[in-house]
Amino acid sequence: LTSGLRSFEVQRRVDGGAWISIWTSTGRRSWATYVPV
């Protein structure tokens, strides 16, 4: 009765601030974004 994987929730934060959700439910396994210098 293994139910199987459904999705991922992905969060990011900048300079130790609050965590912000990028996706609350996604099947993707990578994400490309720009990081400020």
Full PDB file with SEQRES, HELIX, SHEET, SSBOND, CRYST1, ORIGX, SCALE, CONECT and MASTER records, all heavy atoms in Angstrom:
SEQRES   1 A   37  LEU THR SER GLY LEU ARG SER PHE GLU VAL GLN ARG ARG          
SEQRES   2 A   37  VAL ASP GLY GLY ALA TRP ILE SER ILE TRP THR SER THR          
SEQRES   3 A   37  GLY ARG ARG SER TRP ALA THR TYR VAL PRO VAL                  
SHEET    1 AA1 2 PHE A   8  ARG A  12  0                                        
SHEET    2 AA1 2 ILE A  20  THR A  26 -1                                        
CRYST1    1.000    1.000    1.000  90.00  90.00  90.00 P 1           1          
ORIGX1      1.000000  0.000000  0.000000        0.00000                         
ORIGX2      0.000000  1.000000  0.000000        0.00000                         
ORIGX3      0.000000  0.000000  1.000000        0.00000                         
SCALE1      1.000000  0.000000  0.000000        0.00000                         
SCALE2      0.000000  1.000000  0.000000        0.00000                         
SCALE3      0.000000  0.000000  1.000000        0.00000                         
ATOM      1  N   LEU A   1       0.792  -1.233   0.000  1.00  0.00           N  
ATOM      2  CA  LEU A   1       0.000   0.000   0.000  1.00  0.00           C  
ATOM      3  C   LEU A   1       0.823   1.281   0.000  1.00  0.00           C  
ATOM      4  O   LEU A   1       0.394   2.298   0.563  1.00  0.00           O  
ATOM      5  CB  LEU A   1      -0.976   0.017   1.185  1.00  0.00           C  
ATOM      6  CG  LEU A   1      -1.917  -1.192   1.305  1.00  0.00           C  
ATOM      7  CD1 LEU A   1      -2.864  -1.009   2.487  1.00  0.00           C  
ATOM      8  CD2 LEU A   1      -2.707  -1.391   0.021  1.00  0.00           C  
ATOM      9  N   THR A   2       1.981   1.283  -0.641  1.00  0.00           N  
ATOM     10  CA  THR A   2       2.738   2.523  -0.799  1.00  0.00           C  
ATOM     11  C   THR A   2       1.916   3.474  -1.662  1.00  0.00           C  
ATOM     12  O   THR A   2       1.473   3.127  -2.753  1.00  0.00           O  
ATOM     13  CB  THR A   2       4.088   2.257  -1.480  1.00  0.00           C  
ATOM     14  OG1 THR A   2       4.809   1.275  -0.716  1.00  0.00           O  
ATOM     15  CG2 THR A   2       4.914   3.524  -1.557  1.00  0.00           C  
ATOM     16  N   SER A   3       1.703   4.707  -1.180  1.00  0.00           N  
ATOM     17  CA  SER A   3       0.801   5.616  -1.893  1.00  0.00           C  
ATOM     18  C   SER A   3       1.455   6.285  -3.095  1.00  0.00           C  
ATOM     19  O   SER A   3       0.788   6.644  -4.056  1.00  0.00           O  
ATOM     20  CB  SER A   3       0.267   6.686  -0.935  1.00  0.00           C  
ATOM     21  OG  SER A   3       1.319   7.488  -0.454  1.00  0.00           O  
ATOM     22  N   GLY A   4       2.779   6.501  -3.050  1.00  0.00           N  
ATOM     23  CA  GLY A   4       3.481   7.136  -4.159  1.00  0.00           C  
ATOM     24  C   GLY A   4       3.642   8.631  -3.972  1.00  0.00           C  
ATOM     25  O   GLY A   4       2.820   9.297  -3.333  1.00  0.00           O  
ATOM     26  N   LEU A   5       4.723   9.172  -4.536  1.00  0.00           N  
ATOM     27  CA  LEU A   5       5.015  10.602  -4.435  1.00  0.00           C  
ATOM     28  C   LEU A   5       4.014  11.416  -5.235  1.00  0.00           C  
ATOM     29  O   LEU A   5       3.664  11.069  -6.359  1.00  0.00           O  
ATOM     30  CB  LEU A   5       6.434  10.875  -4.951  1.00  0.00           C  
ATOM     31  CG  LEU A   5       6.919  12.324  -4.872  1.00  0.00           C  
ATOM     32  CD1 LEU A   5       7.108  12.756  -3.425  1.00  0.00           C  
ATOM     33  CD2 LEU A   5       8.216  12.483  -5.655  1.00  0.00           C  
ATOM     34  N   ARG A   6       3.570  12.543  -4.651  1.00  0.00           N  
ATOM     35  CA  ARG A   6       2.631  13.411  -5.343  1.00  0.00           C  
ATOM     36  C   ARG A   6       3.291  14.688  -5.841  1.00  0.00           C  
ATOM     37  O   ARG A   6       3.176  15.036  -7.016  1.00  0.00           O  
ATOM     38  CB  ARG A   6       1.464  13.760  -4.422  1.00  0.00           C  
ATOM     39  CG  ARG A   6       0.444  14.710  -5.055  1.00  0.00           C  
ATOM     40  CD  ARG A   6      -0.688  15.018  -4.102  1.00  0.00           C  
ATOM     41  NE  ARG A   6      -1.627  15.962  -4.676  1.00  0.00           N  
ATOM     42  CZ  ARG A   6      -2.697  16.422  -4.050  1.00  0.00           C  
ATOM     43  NH1 ARG A   6      -2.963  16.007  -2.818  1.00  0.00           N  
ATOM     44  NH2 ARG A   6      -3.499  17.276  -4.641  1.00  0.00           N  
ATOM     45  N   SER A   7       3.977  15.432  -4.958  1.00  0.00           N  
ATOM     46  CA  SER A   7       4.504  16.735  -5.364  1.00  0.00           C  
ATOM     47  C   SER A   7       5.546  17.235  -4.369  1.00  0.00           C  
ATOM     48  O   SER A   7       5.761  16.640  -3.306  1.00  0.00           O  
ATOM     49  CB  SER A   7       3.367  17.758  -5.460  1.00  0.00           C  
ATOM     50  OG  SER A   7       2.755  17.936  -4.194  1.00  0.00           O  
ATOM     51  N   PHE A   8       6.174  18.371  -4.743  1.00  0.00           N  
ATOM     52  CA  PHE A   8       7.127  19.062  -3.883  1.00  0.00           C  
ATOM     53  C   PHE A   8       6.613  20.469  -3.581  1.00  0.00           C  
ATOM     54  O   PHE A   8       5.904  21.075  -4.388  1.00  0.00           O  
ATOM     55  CB  PHE A   8       8.494  19.201  -4.561  1.00  0.00           C  
ATOM     56  CG  PHE A   8       9.177  17.900  -4.841  1.00  0.00           C  
ATOM     57  CD1 PHE A   8       9.158  17.350  -6.128  1.00  0.00           C  
ATOM     58  CD2 PHE A   8       9.854  17.211  -3.845  1.00  0.00           C  
ATOM     59  CE1 PHE A   8       9.796  16.154  -6.399  1.00  0.00           C  
ATOM     60  CE2 PHE A   8      10.500  16.009  -4.106  1.00  0.00           C  
ATOM     61  CZ  PHE A   8      10.469  15.487  -5.389  1.00  0.00           C  
ATOM     62  N   GLU A   9       6.988  20.977  -2.413  1.00  0.00           N  
ATOM     63  CA  GLU A   9       6.816  22.385  -2.097  1.00  0.00           C  
ATOM     64  C   GLU A   9       8.205  23.003  -2.035  1.00  0.00           C  
ATOM     65  O   GLU A   9       9.094  22.461  -1.380  1.00  0.00           O  
ATOM     66  CB  GLU A   9       6.092  22.586  -0.771  1.00  0.00           C  
ATOM     67  CG  GLU A   9       5.863  24.053  -0.437  1.00  0.00           C  
ATOM     68  CD  GLU A   9       5.046  24.290   0.821  1.00  0.00           C  
ATOM     69  OE1 GLU A   9       4.644  23.293   1.460  1.00  0.00           O  
ATOM     70  OE2 GLU A   9       4.814  25.467   1.172  1.00  0.00           O  
ATOM     71  N   VAL A  10       8.390  24.121  -2.725  1.00  0.00           N  
ATOM     72  CA  VAL A  10       9.703  24.760  -2.833  1.00  0.00           C  
ATOM     73  C   VAL A  10       9.636  26.153  -2.220  1.00  0.00           C  
ATOM     74  O   VAL A  10       8.733  26.936  -2.530  1.00  0.00           O  
ATOM     75  CB  VAL A  10      10.150  24.861  -4.311  1.00  0.00           C  
ATOM     76  CG1 VAL A  10      11.560  25.444  -4.399  1.00  0.00           C  
ATOM     77  CG2 VAL A  10      10.087  23.494  -4.987  1.00  0.00           C  
ATOM     78  N   GLN A  11      10.592  26.467  -1.354  1.00  0.00           N  
ATOM     79  CA  GLN A  11      10.673  27.787  -0.736  1.00  0.00           C  
ATOM     80  C   GLN A  11      12.068  28.374  -0.907  1.00  0.00           C  
ATOM     81  O   GLN A  11      13.051  27.646  -1.029  1.00  0.00           O  
ATOM     82  CB  GLN A  11      10.343  27.717   0.765  1.00  0.00           C  
ATOM     83  CG  GLN A  11       8.891  27.420   1.069  1.00  0.00           C  
ATOM     84  CD  GLN A  11       8.568  27.571   2.541  1.00  0.00           C  
ATOM     85  OE1 GLN A  11       9.445  27.481   3.396  1.00  0.00           O  
ATOM     86  NE2 GLN A  11       7.297  27.814   2.846  1.00  0.00           N  
ATOM     87  N   ARG A  12      12.132  29.709  -0.870  1.00  0.00           N  
ATOM     88  CA  ARG A  12      13.419  30.395  -0.947  1.00  0.00           C  
ATOM     89  C   ARG A  12      13.429  31.538   0.064  1.00  0.00           C  
ATOM     90  O   ARG A  12      12.377  32.019   0.500  1.00  0.00           O  
ATOM     91  CB  ARG A  12      13.685  30.914  -2.358  1.00  0.00           C  
ATOM     92  CG  ARG A  12      12.676  31.936  -2.886  1.00  0.00           C  
ATOM     93  CD  ARG A  12      13.049  33.352  -2.526  1.00  0.00           C  
ATOM     94  NE  ARG A  12      12.225  34.335  -3.227  1.00  0.00           N  
ATOM     95  CZ  ARG A  12      12.124  35.599  -2.857  1.00  0.00           C  
ATOM     96  NH1 ARG A  12      12.762  36.032  -1.764  1.00  0.00           N  
ATOM     97  NH2 ARG A  12      11.364  36.444  -3.534  1.00  0.00           N  
ATOM     98  N   ARG A  13      14.629  31.972   0.433  1.00  0.00           N  
ATOM     99  CA  ARG A  13      14.777  33.165   1.255  1.00  0.00           C  
ATOM    100  C   ARG A  13      16.062  33.881   0.866  1.00  0.00           C  
ATOM    101  O   ARG A  13      17.002  33.257   0.352  1.00  0.00           O  
ATOM    102  CB  ARG A  13      14.766  32.846   2.741  1.00  0.00           C  
ATOM    103  CG  ARG A  13      15.973  32.094   3.282  1.00  0.00           C  
ATOM    104  CD  ARG A  13      15.834  31.930   4.776  1.00  0.00           C  
ATOM    105  NE  ARG A  13      16.948  31.155   5.332  1.00  0.00           N  
ATOM    106  CZ  ARG A  13      17.052  30.843   6.623  1.00  0.00           C  
ATOM    107  NH1 ARG A  13      16.115  31.225   7.482  1.00  0.00           N  
ATOM    108  NH2 ARG A  13      18.097  30.155   7.062  1.00  0.00           N  
ATOM    109  N   VAL A  14      16.094  35.166   1.145  1.00  0.00           N  
ATOM    110  CA  VAL A  14      17.243  35.998   0.788  1.00  0.00           C  
ATOM    111  C   VAL A  14      17.809  36.624   2.052  1.00  0.00           C  
ATOM    112  O   VAL A  14      17.063  37.197   2.859  1.00  0.00           O  
ATOM    113  CB  VAL A  14      16.839  37.096  -0.219  1.00  0.00           C  
ATOM    114  CG1 VAL A  14      18.050  37.963  -0.575  1.00  0.00           C  
ATOM    115  CG2 VAL A  14      16.244  36.469  -1.478  1.00  0.00           C  
ATOM    116  N   ASP A  15      19.113  36.483   2.236  1.00  0.00           N  
ATOM    117  CA  ASP A  15      19.837  37.094   3.358  1.00  0.00           C  
ATOM    118  C   ASP A  15      19.231  36.722   4.708  1.00  0.00           C  
ATOM    119  O   ASP A  15      19.137  37.548   5.629  1.00  0.00           O  
ATOM    120  CB  ASP A  15      19.862  38.621   3.209  1.00  0.00           C  
ATOM    121  CG  ASP A  15      20.630  39.071   1.968  1.00  0.00           C  
ATOM    122  OD1 ASP A  15      21.512  38.310   1.519  1.00  0.00           O  
ATOM    123  OD2 ASP A  15      20.329  40.156   1.449  1.00  0.00           O  
ATOM    124  N   GLY A  16      18.823  35.462   4.841  1.00  0.00           N  
ATOM    125  CA  GLY A  16      18.318  34.979   6.123  1.00  0.00           C  
ATOM    126  C   GLY A  16      16.949  35.494   6.496  1.00  0.00           C  
ATOM    127  O   GLY A  16      16.530  35.371   7.656  1.00  0.00           O  
ATOM    128  N   GLY A  17      16.205  36.050   5.547  1.00  0.00           N  
ATOM    129  CA  GLY A  17      14.869  36.568   5.824  1.00  0.00           C  
ATOM    130  C   GLY A  17      13.822  35.482   5.902  1.00  0.00           C  
ATOM    131  O   GLY A  17      14.134  34.297   6.098  1.00  0.00           O  
ATOM    132  N   ALA A  18      12.571  35.867   5.746  1.00  0.00           N  
ATOM    133  CA  ALA A  18      11.465  34.918   5.837  1.00  0.00           C  
ATOM    134  C   ALA A  18      11.454  33.980   4.623  1.00  0.00           C  
ATOM    135  O   ALA A  18      11.823  34.376   3.518  1.00  0.00           O  
ATOM    136  CB  ALA A  18      10.143  35.680   5.927  1.00  0.00           C  
ATOM    137  N   TRP A  19      11.006  32.745   4.862  1.00  0.00           N  
ATOM    138  CA  TRP A  19      10.850  31.792   3.767  1.00  0.00           C  
ATOM    139  C   TRP A  19       9.601  32.143   2.957  1.00  0.00           C  
ATOM    140  O   TRP A  19       8.544  32.431   3.524  1.00  0.00           O  
ATOM    141  CB  TRP A  19      10.736  30.371   4.293  1.00  0.00           C  
ATOM    142  CG  TRP A  19      12.028  29.812   4.807  1.00  0.00           C  
ATOM    143  CD1 TRP A  19      12.409  29.673   6.106  1.00  0.00           C  
ATOM    144  CD2 TRP A  19      13.112  29.310   4.019  1.00  0.00           C  
ATOM    145  NE1 TRP A  19      13.662  29.114   6.199  1.00  0.00           N  
ATOM    146  CE2 TRP A  19      14.114  28.875   4.923  1.00  0.00           C  
ATOM    147  CE3 TRP A  19      13.343  29.185   2.648  1.00  0.00           C  
ATOM    148  CZ2 TRP A  19      15.323  28.329   4.490  1.00  0.00           C  
ATOM    149  CZ3 TRP A  19      14.541  28.633   2.220  1.00  0.00           C  
ATOM    150  CH2 TRP A  19      15.511  28.222   3.128  1.00  0.00           C  
ATOM    151  N   ILE A  20       9.737  32.116   1.649  1.00  0.00           N  
ATOM    152  CA  ILE A  20       8.643  32.421   0.729  1.00  0.00           C  
ATOM    153  C   ILE A  20       8.465  31.236  -0.223  1.00  0.00           C  
ATOM    154  O   ILE A  20       9.439  30.737  -0.800  1.00  0.00           O  
ATOM    155  CB  ILE A  20       8.929  33.699  -0.081  1.00  0.00           C  
ATOM    156  CG1 ILE A  20       9.056  34.899   0.872  1.00  0.00           C  
ATOM    157  CG2 ILE A  20       7.847  33.943  -1.117  1.00  0.00           C  
ATOM    158  CD1 ILE A  20       9.481  36.175   0.179  1.00  0.00           C  
ATOM    159  N   SER A  21       7.227  30.779  -0.375  1.00  0.00           N  
ATOM    160  CA  SER A  21       6.959  29.636  -1.249  1.00  0.00           C  
ATOM    161  C   SER A  21       7.006  30.059  -2.717  1.00  0.00           C  
ATOM    162  O   SER A  21       6.353  31.027  -3.123  1.00  0.00           O  
ATOM    163  CB  SER A  21       5.584  29.032  -0.939  1.00  0.00           C  
ATOM    164  OG  SER A  21       5.593  28.385   0.316  1.00  0.00           O  
ATOM    165  N   ILE A  22       7.791  29.322  -3.488  1.00  0.00           N  
ATOM    166  CA  ILE A  22       7.830  29.502  -4.939  1.00  0.00           C  
ATOM    167  C   ILE A  22       6.743  28.641  -5.574  1.00  0.00           C  
ATOM    168  O   ILE A  22       6.008  29.087  -6.450  1.00  0.00           O  
ATOM    169  CB  ILE A  22       9.219  29.117  -5.499  1.00  0.00           C  
ATOM    170  CG1 ILE A  22      10.317  29.928  -4.799  1.00  0.00           C  
ATOM    171  CG2 ILE A  22       9.256  29.335  -7.007  1.00  0.00           C  
ATOM    172  CD1 ILE A  22      10.146  31.425  -4.908  1.00  0.00           C  
ATOM    173  N   TRP A  23       6.653  27.377  -5.149  1.00  0.00           N  
ATOM    174  CA  TRP A  23       5.562  26.482  -5.535  1.00  0.00           C  
ATOM    175  C   TRP A  23       5.089  25.755  -4.283  1.00  0.00           C  
ATOM    176  O   TRP A  23       5.907  25.261  -3.504  1.00  0.00           O  
ATOM    177  CB  TRP A  23       6.019  25.440  -6.557  1.00  0.00           C  
ATOM    178  CG  TRP A  23       6.398  25.991  -7.885  1.00  0.00           C  
ATOM    179  CD1 TRP A  23       5.563  26.397  -8.893  1.00  0.00           C  
ATOM    180  CD2 TRP A  23       7.727  26.191  -8.383  1.00  0.00           C  
ATOM    181  NE1 TRP A  23       6.279  26.839  -9.964  1.00  0.00           N  
ATOM    182  CE2 TRP A  23       7.619  26.721  -9.689  1.00  0.00           C  
ATOM    183  CE3 TRP A  23       8.997  25.972  -7.848  1.00  0.00           C  
ATOM    184  CZ2 TRP A  23       8.715  27.036 -10.459  1.00  0.00           C  
ATOM    185  CZ3 TRP A  23      10.101  26.286  -8.607  1.00  0.00           C  
ATOM    186  CH2 TRP A  23       9.964  26.816  -9.899  1.00  0.00           C  
ATOM    187  N   THR A  24       3.810  25.683  -4.092  1.00  0.00           N  
ATOM    188  CA  THR A  24       3.269  24.885  -2.995  1.00  0.00           C  
ATOM    189  C   THR A  24       3.035  23.446  -3.439  1.00  0.00           C  
ATOM    190  O   THR A  24       2.949  22.540  -2.610  1.00  0.00           O  
ATOM    191  CB  THR A  24       1.945  25.475  -2.478  1.00  0.00           C  
ATOM    192  OG1 THR A  24       1.019  25.568  -3.568  1.00  0.00           O  
ATOM    193  CG2 THR A  24       2.173  26.854  -1.872  1.00  0.00           C  
ATOM    194  N   SER A  25       2.938  23.235  -4.759  1.00  0.00           N  
ATOM    195  CA  SER A  25       2.765  21.887  -5.288  1.00  0.00           C  
ATOM    196  C   SER A  25       3.281  21.850  -6.717  1.00  0.00           C  
ATOM    197  O   SER A  25       2.698  22.460  -7.614  1.00  0.00           O  
ATOM    198  CB  SER A  25       1.287  21.486  -5.252  1.00  0.00           C  
ATOM    199  OG  SER A  25       1.101  20.181  -5.773  1.00  0.00           O  
ATOM    200  N   THR A  26       4.382  21.136  -6.912  1.00  0.00           N  
ATOM    201  CA  THR A  26       4.958  21.022  -8.250  1.00  0.00           C  
ATOM    202  C   THR A  26       5.601  19.657  -8.413  1.00  0.00           C  
ATOM    203  O   THR A  26       6.079  19.049  -7.444  1.00  0.00           O  
ATOM    204  CB  THR A  26       6.018  22.118  -8.495  1.00  0.00           C  
ATOM    205  OG1 THR A  26       6.531  21.997  -9.832  1.00  0.00           O  
ATOM    206  CG2 THR A  26       7.174  22.011  -7.520  1.00  0.00           C  
ATOM    207  N   GLY A  27       5.617  19.194  -9.652  1.00  0.00           N  
ATOM    208  CA  GLY A  27       6.284  17.940  -9.956  1.00  0.00           C  
ATOM    209  C   GLY A  27       7.683  18.141 -10.512  1.00  0.00           C  
ATOM    210  O   GLY A  27       8.406  17.173 -10.733  1.00  0.00           O  
ATOM    211  N   ARG A  28       8.064  19.392 -10.725  1.00  0.00           N  
ATOM    212  CA  ARG A  28       9.375  19.661 -11.298  1.00  0.00           C  
ATOM    213  C   ARG A  28      10.482  19.383 -10.285  1.00  0.00           C  
ATOM    214  O   ARG A  28      10.256  19.371  -9.077  1.00  0.00           O  
ATOM    215  CB  ARG A  28       9.465  21.089 -11.814  1.00  0.00           C  
ATOM    216  CG  ARG A  28       9.346  22.155 -10.750  1.00  0.00           C  
ATOM    217  CD  ARG A  28       9.153  23.534 -11.351  1.00  0.00           C  
ATOM    218  NE  ARG A  28      10.227  23.889 -12.270  1.00  0.00           N  
ATOM    219  CZ  ARG A  28      10.181  24.909 -13.120  1.00  0.00           C  
ATOM    220  NH1 ARG A  28       9.082  25.668 -13.191  1.00  0.00           N  
ATOM    221  NH2 ARG A  28      11.198  25.187 -13.907  1.00  0.00           N  
ATOM    222  N   ARG A  29      11.698  19.182 -10.788  1.00  0.00           N  
ATOM    223  CA  ARG A  29      12.832  18.846  -9.933  1.00  0.00           C  
ATOM    224  C   ARG A  29      14.008  19.796 -10.120  1.00  0.00           C  
ATOM    225  O   ARG A  29      15.112  19.502  -9.670  1.00  0.00           O  
ATOM    226  CB  ARG A  29      13.275  17.404 -10.183  1.00  0.00           C  
ATOM    227  CG  ARG A  29      12.239  16.389  -9.696  1.00  0.00           C  
ATOM    228  CD  ARG A  29      12.597  14.966 -10.044  1.00  0.00           C  
ATOM    229  NE  ARG A  29      11.590  14.027  -9.557  1.00  0.00           N  
ATOM    230  CZ  ARG A  29      11.710  13.281  -8.459  1.00  0.00           C  
ATOM    231  NH1 ARG A  29      12.803  13.365  -7.732  1.00  0.00           N  
ATOM    232  NH2 ARG A  29      10.745  12.457  -8.096  1.00  0.00           N  
ATOM    233  N   SER A  30      13.781  20.917 -10.763  1.00  0.00           N  
ATOM    234  CA  SER A  30      14.838  21.924 -10.893  1.00  0.00           C  
ATOM    235  C   SER A  30      14.205  23.287 -11.121  1.00  0.00           C  
ATOM    236  O   SER A  30      13.031  23.393 -11.515  1.00  0.00           O  
ATOM    237  CB  SER A  30      15.800  21.582 -12.037  1.00  0.00           C  
ATOM    238  OG  SER A  30      15.140  21.631 -13.284  1.00  0.00           O  
ATOM    239  N   TRP A  31      15.005  24.324 -10.888  1.00  0.00           N  
ATOM    240  CA  TRP A  31      14.526  25.697 -11.025  1.00  0.00           C  
ATOM    241  C   TRP A  31      15.731  26.598 -11.260  1.00  0.00           C  
ATOM    242  O   TRP A  31      16.705  26.543 -10.495  1.00  0.00           O  
ATOM    243  CB  TRP A  31      13.783  26.108  -9.758  1.00  0.00           C  
ATOM    244  CG  TRP A  31      13.382  27.551  -9.676  1.00  0.00           C  
ATOM    245  CD1 TRP A  31      12.794  28.298 -10.646  1.00  0.00           C  
ATOM    246  CD2 TRP A  31      13.542  28.414  -8.548  1.00  0.00           C  
ATOM    247  NE1 TRP A  31      12.561  29.579 -10.209  1.00  0.00           N  
ATOM    248  CE2 TRP A  31      13.007  29.674  -8.906  1.00  0.00           C  
ATOM    249  CE3 TRP A  31      14.054  28.241  -7.265  1.00  0.00           C  
ATOM    250  CZ2 TRP A  31      12.999  30.759  -8.033  1.00  0.00           C  
ATOM    251  CZ3 TRP A  31      14.037  29.313  -6.390  1.00  0.00           C  
ATOM    252  CH2 TRP A  31      13.519  30.561  -6.770  1.00  0.00           C  
ATOM    253  N   ALA A  32      15.683  27.382 -12.306  1.00  0.00           N  
ATOM    254  CA  ALA A  32      16.761  28.323 -12.612  1.00  0.00           C  
ATOM    255  C   ALA A  32      16.275  29.738 -12.318  1.00  0.00           C  
ATOM    256  O   ALA A  32      15.177  30.124 -12.740  1.00  0.00           O  
ATOM    257  CB  ALA A  32      17.179  28.195 -14.069  1.00  0.00           C  
ATOM    258  N   THR A  33      17.075  30.486 -11.591  1.00  0.00           N  
ATOM    259  CA  THR A  33      16.691  31.849 -11.245  1.00  0.00           C  
ATOM    260  C   THR A  33      17.937  32.717 -11.110  1.00  0.00           C  
ATOM    261  O   THR A  33      19.058  32.207 -10.952  1.00  0.00           O  
ATOM    262  CB  THR A  33      15.893  31.884  -9.927  1.00  0.00           C  
ATOM    263  OG1 THR A  33      15.373  33.192  -9.721  1.00  0.00           O  
ATOM    264  CG2 THR A  33      16.765  31.511  -8.737  1.00  0.00           C  
ATOM    265  N   TYR A  34      17.745  34.041 -11.157  1.00  0.00           N  
ATOM    266  CA  TYR A  34      18.848  34.963 -10.978  1.00  0.00           C  
ATOM    267  C   TYR A  34      19.011  35.309  -9.495  1.00  0.00           C  
ATOM    268  O   TYR A  34      18.029  35.583  -8.796  1.00  0.00           O  
ATOM    269  CB  TYR A  34      18.601  36.257 -11.760  1.00  0.00           C  
ATOM    270  CG  TYR A  34      18.762  36.100 -13.254  1.00  0.00           C  
ATOM    271  CD1 TYR A  34      17.676  36.250 -14.115  1.00  0.00           C  
ATOM    272  CD2 TYR A  34      20.008  35.804 -13.789  1.00  0.00           C  
ATOM    273  CE1 TYR A  34      17.832  36.108 -15.483  1.00  0.00           C  
ATOM    274  CE2 TYR A  34      20.181  35.664 -15.166  1.00  0.00           C  
ATOM    275  CZ  TYR A  34      19.083  35.811 -16.001  1.00  0.00           C  
ATOM    276  OH  TYR A  34      19.246  35.661 -17.359  1.00  0.00           O  
ATOM    277  N   VAL A  35      20.244  35.281  -9.042  1.00  0.00           N  
ATOM    278  CA  VAL A  35      20.581  35.645  -7.661  1.00  0.00           C  
ATOM    279  C   VAL A  35      21.311  36.981  -7.684  1.00  0.00           C  
ATOM    280  O   VAL A  35      22.344  37.107  -8.359  1.00  0.00           O  
ATOM    281  CB  VAL A  35      21.462  34.565  -7.003  1.00  0.00           C  
ATOM    282  CG1 VAL A  35      21.915  35.009  -5.614  1.00  0.00           C  
ATOM    283  CG2 VAL A  35      20.705  33.230  -6.927  1.00  0.00           C  
ATOM    284  N   PRO A  36      20.814  38.005  -6.987  1.00  0.00           N  
ATOM    285  CA  PRO A  36      21.479  39.316  -7.001  1.00  0.00           C  
ATOM    286  C   PRO A  36      22.882  39.240  -6.405  1.00  0.00           C  
ATOM    287  O   PRO A  36      23.099  38.586  -5.379  1.00  0.00           O  
ATOM    288  CB  PRO A  36      20.568  40.192  -6.136  1.00  0.00           C  
ATOM    289  CG  PRO A  36      19.245  39.489  -6.143  1.00  0.00           C  
ATOM    290  CD  PRO A  36      19.554  38.039  -6.222  1.00  0.00           C  
ATOM    291  N   VAL A  37      23.826  39.876  -7.051  1.00  0.00           N  
ATOM    292  CA  VAL A  37      25.201  39.906  -6.544  1.00  0.00           C  
ATOM    293  C   VAL A  37      25.208  40.643  -5.205  1.00  0.00           C  
ATOM    294  O   VAL A  37      24.540  41.671  -5.031  1.00  0.00           O  
ATOM    295  CB  VAL A  37      26.133  40.609  -7.564  1.00  0.00           C  
ATOM    296  CG1 VAL A  37      27.520  40.828  -6.964  1.00  0.00           C  
ATOM    297  CG2 VAL A  37      26.227  39.770  -8.837  1.00  0.00           C  
TER     298      VAL A  37                                                      
MASTER        0    0    0    0    2    0    0    6  297    1    0    3          
END                                                                             
